[in-house]
Amino acid sequence: MRIRCPYCGERDNGEFSYFGDATLTRPDGMEADASAMHDYVYLRDNPAGEHRELWYHAGGCRTWLVVNRDTRTHAITDVSPARDVARTRRMGEAA
């Protein structure tokens, strides 16, 4: 599988580290109850199909990326810097 880094170009997936589901929203630290934190840390879906994932370009520019990938075929449809995705999400919540 090859991942197209927005800064380094297309690279082998061996340069990247997978860090899980990019759709999760972390509960608000001290305000979150134990049940919400438990669910956030331990409960994960295992989807078949299109999925947003968090990857780290450890062997390159060291950028966090959000990768849209089909888990059945490994076809990648989009790669974005995670900071841009987070910024867009924050702006959407503020509106």
PDB file of N, CA and C in Angstrom:
ATOM      1  N   MET A   1       0.847  -1.174   0.000  1.00  0.00           N
ATOM      2  CA  MET A   1       0.000   0.000   0.000  1.00  0.00           C
ATOM      3  C   MET A   1       0.896   1.242   0.000  1.00  0.00           C
ATOM      4  N   ARG A   2       0.482   2.236  -0.763  1.00  0.00           N
ATOM      5  CA  ARG A   2       1.227   3.492  -0.834  1.00  0.00           C
ATOM      6  C   ARG A   2       0.318   4.622  -0.384  1.00  0.00           C
ATOM      7  N   ILE A   3       0.907   5.555   0.382  1.00  0.00           N
ATOM      8  CA  ILE A   3       0.158   6.692   0.904  1.00  0.00           C
ATOM      9  C   ILE A   3       0.761   7.966   0.320  1.00  0.00           C
ATOM     10  N   ARG A   4      -0.113   8.829  -0.186  1.00  0.00           N
ATOM     11  CA  ARG A   4       0.339  10.098  -0.768  1.00  0.00           C
ATOM     12  C   ARG A   4       0.383  11.158   0.328  1.00  0.00           C
ATOM     13  N   CYS A   5       1.592  11.443   0.811  1.00  0.00           N
ATOM     14  CA  CYS A   5       1.777  12.489   1.809  1.00  0.00           C
ATOM     15  C   CYS A   5       1.635  13.840   1.103  1.00  0.00           C
ATOM     16  N   PRO A   6       0.877  14.785   1.679  1.00  0.00           N
ATOM     17  CA  PRO A   6       0.712  16.090   1.039  1.00  0.00           C
ATOM     18  C   PRO A   6       2.027  16.869   0.912  1.00  0.00           C
ATOM     19  N   TYR A   7       3.030  16.512   1.716  1.00  0.00           N
ATOM     20  CA  TYR A   7       4.293  17.240   1.717  1.00  0.00           C
ATOM     21  C   TYR A   7       5.430  16.491   1.027  1.00  0.00           C
ATOM     22  N   CYS A   8       5.434  15.157   1.121  1.00  0.00           N
ATOM     23  CA  CYS A   8       6.550  14.360   0.595  1.00  0.00           C
ATOM     24  C   CYS A   8       6.213  13.599  -0.682  1.00  0.00           C
ATOM     25  N   GLY A   9       4.940  13.555  -1.047  1.00  0.00           N
ATOM     26  CA  GLY A   9       4.533  12.784  -2.209  1.00  0.00           C
ATOM     27  C   GLY A   9       4.191  11.357  -1.825  1.00  0.00           C
ATOM     28  N   GLU A  10       4.042  10.514  -2.839  1.00  0.00           N
ATOM     29  CA  GLU A  10       3.637   9.126  -2.605  1.00  0.00           C
ATOM     30  C   GLU A  10       4.784   8.334  -1.987  1.00  0.00           C
ATOM     31  N   ARG A  11       4.474   7.614  -0.907  1.00  0.00           N
ATOM     32  CA  ARG A  11       5.479   6.840  -0.172  1.00  0.00           C
ATOM     33  C   ARG A  11       4.914   5.478   0.200  1.00  0.00           C
ATOM     34  N   ASP A  12       5.812   4.540   0.479  1.00  0.00           N
ATOM     35  CA  ASP A  12       5.431   3.211   0.941  1.00  0.00           C
ATOM     36  C   ASP A  12       4.862   3.325   2.346  1.00  0.00           C
ATOM     37  N   ASN A  13       3.869   2.497   2.676  1.00  0.00           N
ATOM     38  CA  ASN A  13       3.245   2.591   3.994  1.00  0.00           C
ATOM     39  C   ASN A  13       4.199   2.244   5.137  1.00  0.00           C
ATOM     40  N   GLY A  14       5.346   1.659   4.844  1.00  0.00           N
ATOM     41  CA  GLY A  14       6.337   1.372   5.877  1.00  0.00           C
ATOM     42  C   GLY A  14       6.907   2.622   6.525  1.00  0.00           C
ATOM     43  N   GLU A  15       6.765   3.771   5.862  1.00  0.00           N
ATOM     44  CA  GLU A  15       7.236   5.038   6.429  1.00  0.00           C
ATOM     45  C   GLU A  15       6.241   5.609   7.440  1.00  0.00           C
ATOM     46  N   PHE A  16       5.044   5.024   7.519  1.00  0.00           N
ATOM     47  CA  PHE A  16       3.967   5.569   8.336  1.00  0.00           C
ATOM     48  C   PHE A  16       3.625   4.641   9.488  1.00  0.00           C
ATOM     49  N   SER A  17       3.075   5.220  10.544  1.00  0.00           N
ATOM     50  CA  SER A  17       2.561   4.452  11.680  1.00  0.00           C
ATOM     51  C   SER A  17       1.064   4.698  11.780  1.00  0.00           C
ATOM     52  N   TYR A  18       0.305   3.622  11.921  1.00  0.00           N
ATOM     53  CA  TYR A  18      -1.146   3.700  12.040  1.00  0.00           C
ATOM     54  C   TYR A  18      -1.518   3.970  13.487  1.00  0.00           C
ATOM     55  N   PHE A  19      -2.411   4.944  13.707  1.00  0.00           N
ATOM     56  CA  PHE A  19      -2.799   5.276  15.076  1.00  0.00           C
ATOM     57  C   PHE A  19      -4.289   5.170  15.341  1.00  0.00           C
ATOM     58  N   GLY A  20      -5.066   4.605  14.421  1.00  0.00           N
ATOM     59  CA  GLY A  20      -6.462   4.314  14.721  1.00  0.00           C
ATOM     60  C   GLY A  20      -7.484   5.210  14.058  1.00  0.00           C
ATOM     61  N   ASP A  21      -8.678   5.137  14.605  1.00  0.00           N
ATOM     62  CA  ASP A  21      -9.870   5.802  14.091  1.00  0.00           C
ATOM     63  C   ASP A  21      -9.749   7.318  14.219  1.00  0.00           C
ATOM     64  N   ALA A  22      -9.912   8.028  13.119  1.00  0.00           N
ATOM     65  CA  ALA A  22      -9.809   9.492  13.126  1.00  0.00           C
ATOM     66  C   ALA A  22     -11.161  10.164  13.321  1.00  0.00           C
ATOM     67  N   THR A  23     -12.212   9.389  13.523  1.00  0.00           N
ATOM     68  CA  THR A  23     -13.537   9.992  13.682  1.00  0.00           C
ATOM     69  C   THR A  23     -13.927  10.187  15.136  1.00  0.00           C
ATOM     70  N   LEU A  24     -13.137   9.649  16.052  1.00  0.00           N
ATOM     71  CA  LEU A  24     -13.479   9.748  17.466  1.00  0.00           C
ATOM     72  C   LEU A  24     -13.257  11.163  17.998  1.00  0.00           C
ATOM     73  N   THR A  25     -14.107  11.554  18.933  1.00  0.00           N
ATOM     74  CA  THR A  25     -13.943  12.831  19.619  1.00  0.00           C
ATOM     75  C   THR A  25     -13.671  12.530  21.081  1.00  0.00           C
ATOM     76  N   ARG A  26     -12.546  13.015  21.574  1.00  0.00           N
ATOM     77  CA  ARG A  26     -12.151  12.748  22.954  1.00  0.00           C
ATOM     78  C   ARG A  26     -13.087  13.453  23.926  1.00  0.00           C
ATOM     79  N   PRO A  27     -13.536  12.746  24.971  1.00  0.00           N
ATOM     80  CA  PRO A  27     -14.376  13.395  25.985  1.00  0.00           C
ATOM     81  C   PRO A  27     -13.603  14.516  26.679  1.00  0.00           C
ATOM     82  N   ASP A  28     -14.324  15.490  27.204  1.00  0.00           N
ATOM     83  CA  ASP A  28     -13.710  16.644  27.841  1.00  0.00           C
ATOM     84  C   ASP A  28     -13.082  16.258  29.170  1.00  0.00           C
ATOM     85  N   GLY A  29     -11.815  15.908  29.144  1.00  0.00           N
ATOM     86  CA  GLY A  29     -10.971  15.546  30.274  1.00  0.00           C
ATOM     87  C   GLY A  29     -11.607  15.427  31.639  1.00  0.00           C
ATOM     88  N   MET A  30     -11.487  16.438  32.470  1.00  0.00           N
ATOM     89  CA  MET A  30     -11.938  16.388  33.853  1.00  0.00           C
ATOM     90  C   MET A  30     -13.468  16.358  33.968  1.00  0.00           C
ATOM     91  N   GLU A  31     -14.159  16.798  32.944  1.00  0.00           N
ATOM     92  CA  GLU A  31     -15.618  16.817  32.980  1.00  0.00           C
ATOM     93  C   GLU A  31     -16.232  15.483  32.549  1.00  0.00           C
ATOM     94  N   ALA A  32     -15.445  14.614  31.921  1.00  0.00           N
ATOM     95  CA  ALA A  32     -15.958  13.332  31.412  1.00  0.00           C
ATOM     96  C   ALA A  32     -16.120  12.327  32.547  1.00  0.00           C
ATOM     97  N   ASP A  33     -17.187  11.546  32.478  1.00  0.00           N
ATOM     98  CA  ASP A  33     -17.350  10.500  33.484  1.00  0.00           C
ATOM     99  C   ASP A  33     -16.544   9.266  33.073  1.00  0.00           C
ATOM    100  N   ALA A  34     -16.359   8.344  34.000  1.00  0.00           N
ATOM    101  CA  ALA A  34     -15.533   7.161  33.769  1.00  0.00           C
ATOM    102  C   ALA A  34     -16.056   6.322  32.610  1.00  0.00           C
ATOM    103  N   SER A  35     -17.356   6.234  32.475  1.00  0.00           N
ATOM    104  CA  SER A  35     -17.947   5.437  31.399  1.00  0.00           C
ATOM    105  C   SER A  35     -17.590   6.009  30.019  1.00  0.00           C
ATOM    106  N   ALA A  36     -17.656   7.322  29.877  1.00  0.00           N
ATOM    107  CA  ALA A  36     -17.319   7.963  28.601  1.00  0.00           C
ATOM    108  C   ALA A  36     -15.849   7.759  28.264  1.00  0.00           C
ATOM    109  N   MET A  37     -14.972   7.884  29.247  1.00  0.00           N
ATOM    110  CA  MET A  37     -13.543   7.674  28.998  1.00  0.00           C
ATOM    111  C   MET A  37     -13.257   6.214  28.655  1.00  0.00           C
ATOM    112  N   HIS A  38     -13.921   5.291  29.348  1.00  0.00           N
ATOM    113  CA  HIS A  38     -13.750   3.869  29.048  1.00  0.00           C
ATOM    114  C   HIS A  38     -14.119   3.587  27.601  1.00  0.00           C
ATOM    115  N   ASP A  39     -15.280   4.083  27.175  1.00  0.00           N
ATOM    116  CA  ASP A  39     -15.738   3.863  25.802  1.00  0.00           C
ATOM    117  C   ASP A  39     -14.761   4.459  24.799  1.00  0.00           C
ATOM    118  N   TYR A  40     -14.259   5.667  25.066  1.00  0.00           N
ATOM    119  CA  TYR A  40     -13.315   6.332  24.163  1.00  0.00           C
ATOM    120  C   TYR A  40     -12.014   5.540  24.025  1.00  0.00           C
ATOM    121  N   VAL A  41     -11.505   5.037  25.122  1.00  0.00           N
ATOM    122  CA  VAL A  41     -10.206   4.346  25.109  1.00  0.00           C
ATOM    123  C   VAL A  41     -10.305   2.922  24.579  1.00  0.00           C
ATOM    124  N   TYR A  42     -11.344   2.180  24.974  1.00  0.00           N
ATOM    125  CA  TYR A  42     -11.364   0.750  24.706  1.00  0.00           C
ATOM    126  C   TYR A  42     -12.318   0.259  23.623  1.00  0.00           C
ATOM    127  N   LEU A  43     -13.392   0.969  23.346  1.00  0.00           N
ATOM    128  CA  LEU A  43     -14.383   0.465  22.397  1.00  0.00           C
ATOM    129  C   LEU A  43     -14.126   1.021  21.003  1.00  0.00           C
ATOM    130  N   ARG A  44     -13.899   0.127  20.063  1.00  0.00           N
ATOM    131  CA  ARG A  44     -13.626   0.530  18.684  1.00  0.00           C
ATOM    132  C   ARG A  44     -14.461  -0.307  17.728  1.00  0.00           C
ATOM    133  N   ASP A  45     -14.895   0.332  16.647  1.00  0.00           N
ATOM    134  CA  ASP A  45     -15.567  -0.382  15.571  1.00  0.00           C
ATOM    135  C   ASP A  45     -14.503  -0.997  14.672  1.00  0.00           C
ATOM    136  N   ASN A  46     -14.905  -1.998  13.920  1.00  0.00           N
ATOM    137  CA  ASN A  46     -14.026  -2.621  12.938  1.00  0.00           C
ATOM    138  C   ASN A  46     -14.765  -2.599  11.604  1.00  0.00           C
ATOM    139  N   PRO A  47     -14.814  -1.411  10.971  1.00  0.00           N
ATOM    140  CA  PRO A  47     -15.655  -1.268   9.782  1.00  0.00           C
ATOM    141  C   PRO A  47     -15.087  -1.970   8.551  1.00  0.00           C
ATOM    142  N   ALA A  48     -15.986  -2.442   7.709  1.00  0.00           N
ATOM    143  CA  ALA A  48     -15.611  -2.969   6.400  1.00  0.00           C
ATOM    144  C   ALA A  48     -16.057  -1.925   5.386  1.00  0.00           C
ATOM    145  N   GLY A  49     -15.098  -1.271   4.764  1.00  0.00           N
ATOM    146  CA  GLY A  49     -15.425  -0.230   3.800  1.00  0.00           C
ATOM    147  C   GLY A  49     -14.665   1.044   4.083  1.00  0.00           C
ATOM    148  N   GLU A  50     -15.229   2.160   3.628  1.00  0.00           N
ATOM    149  CA  GLU A  50     -14.591   3.469   3.766  1.00  0.00           C
ATOM    150  C   GLU A  50     -14.448   3.844   5.243  1.00  0.00           C
ATOM    151  N   HIS A  51     -13.260   4.309   5.607  1.00  0.00           N
ATOM    152  CA  HIS A  51     -12.964   4.623   7.006  1.00  0.00           C
ATOM    153  C   HIS A  51     -11.934   5.740   7.072  1.00  0.00           C
ATOM    154  N   ARG A  52     -12.092   6.652   8.053  1.00  0.00           N
ATOM    155  CA  ARG A  52     -11.110   7.722   8.276  1.00  0.00           C
ATOM    156  C   ARG A  52     -10.141   7.256   9.350  1.00  0.00           C
ATOM    157  N   GLU A  53      -8.845   7.302   9.037  1.00  0.00           N
ATOM    158  CA  GLU A  53      -7.819   6.791   9.946  1.00  0.00           C
ATOM    159  C   GLU A  53      -6.757   7.850  10.204  1.00  0.00           C
ATOM    160  N   LEU A  54      -6.126   7.756  11.360  1.00  0.00           N
ATOM    161  CA  LEU A  54      -5.053   8.662  11.734  1.00  0.00           C
ATOM    162  C   LEU A  54      -3.721   7.946  11.519  1.00  0.00           C
ATOM    163  N   TRP A  55      -2.845   8.560  10.717  1.00  0.00           N
ATOM    164  CA  TRP A  55      -1.529   8.009  10.421  1.00  0.00           C
ATOM    165  C   TRP A  55      -0.468   9.067  10.726  1.00  0.00           C
ATOM    166  N   TYR A  56       0.734   8.609  11.094  1.00  0.00           N
ATOM    167  CA  TYR A  56       1.862   9.493  11.388  1.00  0.00           C
ATOM    168  C   TYR A  56       2.995   9.173  10.421  1.00  0.00           C
ATOM    169  N   HIS A  57       3.509  10.183   9.731  1.00  0.00           N
ATOM    170  CA  HIS A  57       4.588   9.963   8.758  1.00  0.00           C
ATOM    171  C   HIS A  57       5.936   9.963   9.491  1.00  0.00           C
ATOM    172  N   ALA A  58       6.198   8.882  10.199  1.00  0.00           N
ATOM    173  CA  ALA A  58       7.384   8.756  11.048  1.00  0.00           C
ATOM    174  C   ALA A  58       8.686   8.730  10.249  1.00  0.00           C
ATOM    175  N   GLY A  59       8.663   8.128   9.063  1.00  0.00           N
ATOM    176  CA  GLY A  59       9.879   8.001   8.263  1.00  0.00           C
ATOM    177  C   GLY A  59      10.040   9.112   7.244  1.00  0.00           C
ATOM    178  N   GLY A  60       9.337  10.203   7.442  1.00  0.00           N
ATOM    179  CA  GLY A  60       9.398  11.313   6.491  1.00  0.00           C
ATOM    180  C   GLY A  60       9.308  12.640   7.205  1.00  0.00           C
ATOM    181  N   CYS A  61       8.268  13.393   6.903  1.00  0.00           N
ATOM    182  CA  CYS A  61       8.131  14.763   7.407  1.00  0.00           C
ATOM    183  C   CYS A  61       7.570  14.848   8.819  1.00  0.00           C
ATOM    184  N   ARG A  62       7.211  13.725   9.407  1.00  0.00           N
ATOM    185  CA  ARG A  62       6.681  13.644  10.774  1.00  0.00           C
ATOM    186  C   ARG A  62       5.382  14.422  10.955  1.00  0.00           C
ATOM    187  N   THR A  63       4.547  14.342   9.956  1.00  0.00           N
ATOM    188  CA  THR A  63       3.253  14.994   9.983  1.00  0.00           C
ATOM    189  C   THR A  63       2.156  13.979  10.311  1.00  0.00           C
ATOM    190  N   TRP A  64       1.172  14.415  11.089  1.00  0.00           N
ATOM    191  CA  TRP A  64      -0.013  13.604  11.347  1.00  0.00           C
ATOM    192  C   TRP A  64      -0.960  13.785  10.177  1.00  0.00           C
ATOM    193  N   LEU A  65      -1.526  12.678   9.694  1.00  0.00           N
ATOM    194  CA  LEU A  65      -2.411  12.699   8.531  1.00  0.00           C
ATOM    195  C   LEU A  65      -3.719  11.985   8.822  1.00  0.00           C
ATOM    196  N   VAL A  66      -4.786  12.458   8.187  1.00  0.00           N
ATOM    197  CA  VAL A  66      -6.063  11.754   8.198  1.00  0.00           C
ATOM    198  C   VAL A  66      -6.200  11.123   6.819  1.00  0.00           C
ATOM    199  N   VAL A  67      -6.312   9.798   6.794  1.00  0.00           N
ATOM    200  CA  VAL A  67      -6.361   9.037   5.551  1.00  0.00           C
ATOM    201  C   VAL A  67      -7.747   8.396   5.424  1.00  0.00           C
ATOM    202  N   ASN A  68      -8.411   8.643   4.306  1.00  0.00           N
ATOM    203  CA  ASN A  68      -9.669   7.953   4.006  1.00  0.00           C
ATOM    204  C   ASN A  68      -9.315   6.723   3.191  1.00  0.00           C
ATOM    205  N   ARG A  69      -9.595   5.532   3.767  1.00  0.00           N
ATOM    206  CA  ARG A  69      -9.167   4.276   3.154  1.00  0.00           C
ATOM    207  C   ARG A  69     -10.294   3.261   3.218  1.00  0.00           C
ATOM    208  N   ASP A  70     -10.419   2.478   2.154  1.00  0.00           N
ATOM    209  CA  ASP A  70     -11.360   1.358   2.140  1.00  0.00           C
ATOM    210  C   ASP A  70     -10.650   0.179   2.785  1.00  0.00           C
ATOM    211  N   THR A  71     -11.168  -0.295   3.902  1.00  0.00           N
ATOM    212  CA  THR A  71     -10.496  -1.361   4.643  1.00  0.00           C
ATOM    213  C   THR A  71     -10.555  -2.713   3.938  1.00  0.00           C
ATOM    214  N   ARG A  72     -11.434  -2.843   2.940  1.00  0.00           N
ATOM    215  CA  ARG A  72     -11.520  -4.110   2.202  1.00  0.00           C
ATOM    216  C   ARG A  72     -10.478  -4.180   1.093  1.00  0.00           C
ATOM    217  N   THR A  73     -10.224  -3.057   0.429  1.00  0.00           N
ATOM    218  CA  THR A  73      -9.333  -3.053  -0.738  1.00  0.00           C
ATOM    219  C   THR A  73      -8.043  -2.277  -0.501  1.00  0.00           C
ATOM    220  N   HIS A  74      -7.956  -1.531   0.572  1.00  0.00           N
ATOM    221  CA  HIS A  74      -6.840  -0.635   0.906  1.00  0.00           C
ATOM    222  C   HIS A  74      -6.729   0.544  -0.056  1.00  0.00           C
ATOM    223  N   ALA A  75      -7.768   0.779  -0.863  1.00  0.00           N
ATOM    224  CA  ALA A  75      -7.771   1.931  -1.770  1.00  0.00           C
ATOM    225  C   ALA A  75      -7.912   3.211  -0.955  1.00  0.00           C
ATOM    226  N   ILE A  76      -7.005   4.154  -1.186  1.00  0.00           N
ATOM    227  CA  ILE A  76      -7.010   5.425  -0.474  1.00  0.00           C
ATOM    228  C   ILE A  76      -7.654   6.484  -1.363  1.00  0.00           C
ATOM    229  N   THR A  77      -8.677   7.163  -0.819  1.00  0.00           N
ATOM    230  CA  THR A  77      -9.395   8.164  -1.607  1.00  0.00           C
ATOM    231  C   THR A  77      -9.004   9.587  -1.250  1.00  0.00           C
ATOM    232  N   ASP A  78      -8.445   9.807  -0.049  1.00  0.00           N
ATOM    233  CA  ASP A  78      -8.057  11.162   0.343  1.00  0.00           C
ATOM    234  C   ASP A  78      -7.043  11.103   1.474  1.00  0.00           C
ATOM    235  N   VAL A  79      -6.111  12.066   1.455  1.00  0.00           N
ATOM    236  CA  VAL A  79      -5.142  12.224   2.539  1.00  0.00           C
ATOM    237  C   VAL A  79      -5.069  13.715   2.842  1.00  0.00           C
ATOM    238  N   SER A  80      -5.241  14.070   4.123  1.00  0.00           N
ATOM    239  CA  SER A  80      -5.201  15.472   4.529  1.00  0.00           C
ATOM    240  C   SER A  80      -4.359  15.617   5.785  1.00  0.00           C
ATOM    241  N   PRO A  81      -3.674  16.750   5.946  1.00  0.00           N
ATOM    242  CA  PRO A  81      -2.981  16.993   7.219  1.00  0.00           C
ATOM    243  C   PRO A  81      -4.002  17.025   8.354  1.00  0.00           C
ATOM    244  N   ALA A  82      -3.707  16.348   9.448  1.00  0.00           N
ATOM    245  CA  ALA A  82      -4.645  16.257  10.568  1.00  0.00           C
ATOM    246  C   ALA A  82      -4.964  17.631  11.143  1.00  0.00           C
ATOM    247  N   ARG A  83      -4.008  18.541  11.123  1.00  0.00           N
ATOM    248  CA  ARG A  83      -4.276  19.878  11.679  1.00  0.00           C
ATOM    249  C   ARG A  83      -5.347  20.600  10.871  1.00  0.00           C
ATOM    250  N   ASP A  84      -5.373  20.396   9.546  1.00  0.00           N
ATOM    251  CA  ASP A  84      -6.401  21.020   8.718  1.00  0.00           C
ATOM    252  C   ASP A  84      -7.768  20.422   9.018  1.00  0.00           C
ATOM    253  N   VAL A  85      -7.811  19.116   9.227  1.00  0.00           N
ATOM    254  CA  VAL A  85      -9.067  18.440   9.559  1.00  0.00           C
ATOM    255  C   VAL A  85      -9.568  18.936  10.911  1.00  0.00           C
ATOM    256  N   ALA A  86      -8.666  19.052  11.896  1.00  0.00           N
ATOM    257  CA  ALA A  86      -9.053  19.527  13.231  1.00  0.00           C
ATOM    258  C   ALA A  86      -9.530  20.971  13.166  1.00  0.00           C
ATOM    259  N   ARG A  87      -8.861  21.795  12.399  1.00  0.00           N
ATOM    260  CA  ARG A  87      -9.248  23.201  12.264  1.00  0.00           C
ATOM    261  C   ARG A  87     -10.648  23.309  11.657  1.00  0.00           C
ATOM    262  N   THR A  88     -10.909  22.525  10.624  1.00  0.00           N
ATOM    263  CA  THR A  88     -12.221  22.528   9.984  1.00  0.00           C
ATOM    264  C   THR A  88     -13.289  22.052  10.959  1.00  0.00           C
ATOM    265  N   ARG A  89     -12.976  21.026  11.750  1.00  0.00           N
ATOM    266  CA  ARG A  89     -13.932  20.497  12.728  1.00  0.00           C
ATOM    267  C   ARG A  89     -14.239  21.562  13.785  1.00  0.00           C
ATOM    268  N   ARG A  90     -13.212  22.264  14.276  1.00  0.00           N
ATOM    269  CA  ARG A  90     -13.423  23.323  15.286  1.00  0.00           C
ATOM    270  C   ARG A  90     -14.276  24.447  14.713  1.00  0.00           C
ATOM    271  N   MET A  91     -14.014  24.834  13.469  1.00  0.00           N
ATOM    272  CA  MET A  91     -14.775  25.910  12.857  1.00  0.00           C
ATOM    273  C   MET A  91     -16.232  25.506  12.680  1.00  0.00           C
ATOM    274  N   GLY A  92     -16.471  24.232  12.358  1.00  0.00           N
ATOM    275  CA  GLY A  92     -17.832  23.727  12.211  1.00  0.00           C
ATOM    276  C   GLY A  92     -18.582  23.728  13.523  1.00  0.00           C
ATOM    277  N   GLU A  93     -17.885  23.447  14.634  1.00  0.00           N
ATOM    278  CA  GLU A  93     -18.520  23.436  15.947  1.00  0.00           C
ATOM    279  C   GLU A  93     -18.819  24.855  16.414  1.00  0.00           C
ATOM    280  N   ALA A  94     -17.975  25.816  16.008  1.00  0.00           N
ATOM    281  CA  ALA A  94     -18.155  27.199  16.440  1.00  0.00           C
ATOM    282  C   ALA A  94     -19.320  27.860  15.718  1.00  0.00           C
ATOM    283  N   ALA A  95     -19.638  27.347  14.513  1.00  0.00           N
ATOM    284  CA  ALA A  95     -20.702  27.986  13.721  1.00  0.00           C
ATOM    285  C   ALA A  95     -22.071  27.671  14.251  1.00  0.00           C
TER     286      ALA A  95
END
